[in-house]
C-alpha atoms as a PDB file:
ATOM      1  CA  MET A   1     301.596   7.975 284.622  1.00  0.00           C
ATOM      2  CA  THR A   2     299.066   6.087 282.736  1.00  0.00           C
ATOM      3  CA  SER A   3     297.795   7.063 279.269  1.00  0.00           C
ATOM      4  CA  GLU A   4     294.802   8.978 280.572  1.00  0.00           C
ATOM      5  CA  GLU A   5     296.738  11.007 283.048  1.00  0.00           C
ATOM      6  CA  SER A   6     297.993  14.476 282.232  1.00  0.00           C
ATOM      7  CA  PRO A   7     299.452  17.473 284.178  1.00  0.00           C
ATOM      8  CA  LEU A   8     296.530  19.388 282.682  1.00  0.00           C
ATOM      9  CA  LEU A   9     294.084  17.208 284.309  1.00  0.00           C
ATOM     10  CA  ALA A  10     295.716  17.107 287.750  1.00  0.00           C
ATOM     11  CA  ASN A  11     293.530  17.555 290.661  1.00  0.00           C
ATOM     12  CA  ARG A  12     294.291  21.002 291.875  1.00  0.00           C
ATOM     13  CA  ASP A  13     292.710  22.853 294.759  1.00  0.00           C
ATOM     14  CA  GLY A  14     290.376  19.892 295.473  1.00  0.00           C
ATOM     15  CA  VAL A  15     288.687  20.205 292.186  1.00  0.00           C
ATOM     16  CA  ALA A  16     287.844  17.057 290.335  1.00  0.00           C
ATOM     17  CA  PRO A  17     289.187  16.991 286.637  1.00  0.00           C
ATOM     18  CA  GLU A  18     285.883  16.348 285.254  1.00  0.00           C
ATOM     19  CA  THR A  19     284.633  19.536 286.514  1.00  0.00           C
ATOM     20  CA  MET A  20     286.901  21.499 284.101  1.00  0.00           C
ATOM     21  CA  TYR A  21     284.479  20.709 281.276  1.00  0.00           C
ATOM     22  CA  ASP A  22     281.549  22.164 283.204  1.00  0.00           C
ATOM     23  CA  ARG A  23     283.086  25.612 283.484  1.00  0.00           C
ATOM     24  CA  PHE A  24     280.840  27.181 280.870  1.00  0.00           C
ATOM     25  CA  ARG A  25     277.134  26.393 280.288  1.00  0.00           C
ATOM     26  CA  PRO A  26     276.134  24.807 277.007  1.00  0.00           C
ATOM     27  CA  GLY A  27     275.037  28.029 275.666  1.00  0.00           C
ATOM     28  CA  GLN A  28     278.124  29.957 276.389  1.00  0.00           C
ATOM     29  CA  LYS A  29     280.250  26.967 274.707  1.00  0.00           C
ATOM     30  CA  ARG A  30     278.083  27.535 271.470  1.00  0.00           C
ATOM     31  CA  TRP A  31     278.748  31.347 271.520  1.00  0.00           C
ATOM     32  CA  ILE A  32     282.360  30.606 272.179  1.00  0.00           C
ATOM     33  CA  VAL A  33     282.555  28.273 269.151  1.00  0.00           C
ATOM     34  CA  PHE A  34     280.556  30.720 267.122  1.00  0.00           C
ATOM     35  CA  VAL A  35     282.951  33.629 267.821  1.00  0.00           C
ATOM     36  CA  VAL A  36     286.159  31.653 267.139  1.00  0.00           C
ATOM     37  CA  SER A  37     284.538  30.324 264.035  1.00  0.00           C
ATOM     38  CA  LEU A  38     283.539  33.642 262.726  1.00  0.00           C
ATOM     39  CA  ALA A  39     287.015  35.048 263.362  1.00  0.00           C
ATOM     40  CA  GLY A  40     288.296  32.206 261.179  1.00  0.00           C
ATOM     41  CA  VAL A  41     285.957  32.709 258.259  1.00  0.00           C
ATOM     42  CA  LEU A  42     286.028  36.641 258.317  1.00  0.00           C
ATOM     43  CA  PRO A  43     289.329  36.964 256.583  1.00  0.00           C
ATOM     44  CA  MET A  44     288.084  34.841 253.724  1.00  0.00           C
ATOM     45  CA  PHE A  45     285.380  37.108 253.228  1.00  0.00           C
ATOM     46  CA  VAL A  46     287.537  40.383 253.222  1.00  0.00           C
ATOM     47  CA  GLN A  47     289.882  38.734 250.818  1.00  0.00           C
ATOM     48  CA  ALA A  48     286.911  37.658 248.549  1.00  0.00           C
ATOM     49  CA  THR A  49     285.770  41.378 248.472  1.00  0.00           C
ATOM     50  CA  PHE A  50     288.817  43.261 248.315  1.00  0.00           C
ATOM     51  CA  VAL A  51     291.036  41.275 245.712  1.00  0.00           C
ATOM     52  CA  PRO A  52     288.700  41.559 242.964  1.00  0.00           C
ATOM     53  CA  SER A  53     288.629  45.364 243.453  1.00  0.00           C
ATOM     54  CA  ILE A  54     292.290  45.942 243.242  1.00  0.00           C
ATOM     55  CA  PRO A  55     292.383  46.742 239.473  1.00  0.00           C
ATOM     56  CA  GLN A  56     289.713  49.453 239.874  1.00  0.00           C
ATOM     57  CA  ILE A  57     291.357  50.955 242.886  1.00  0.00           C
ATOM     58  CA  ALA A  58     294.605  51.204 241.176  1.00  0.00           C
ATOM     59  CA  LYS A  59     293.063  52.821 238.086  1.00  0.00           C
ATOM     60  CA  ASP A  60     291.295  55.333 240.314  1.00  0.00           C
ATOM     61  CA  LEU A  61     294.518  55.991 242.064  1.00  0.00           C
ATOM     62  CA  ASN A  62     296.636  56.279 239.054  1.00  0.00           C
ATOM     63  CA  SER A  63     298.779  53.514 240.575  1.00  0.00           C
ATOM     64  CA  THR A  64     299.779  49.988 240.137  1.00  0.00           C
ATOM     65  CA  HIS A  65     298.310  46.620 241.495  1.00  0.00           C
ATOM     66  CA  ALA A  66     301.509  46.108 243.626  1.00  0.00           C
ATOM     67  CA  VAL A  67     301.209  49.482 245.381  1.00  0.00           C
ATOM     68  CA  VAL A  68     297.554  49.018 246.010  1.00  0.00           C
ATOM     69  CA  ARG A  69     298.112  45.514 247.727  1.00  0.00           C
END
């Protein structure tokens, strides 16, 4: 097996390995990257909005910070 060969790139069902990169159109690839990127960034936005409000939520519920978290 040379350095460029891989079991993932093996010729299966008569399909050339190069065609695996053409499975999605360029527009579809952009949307996939956008959705995956959004899924990675979204938790940071949620944390940035929720964490600063913990003291007020704890005060409103007559509780402690640890219980609210």
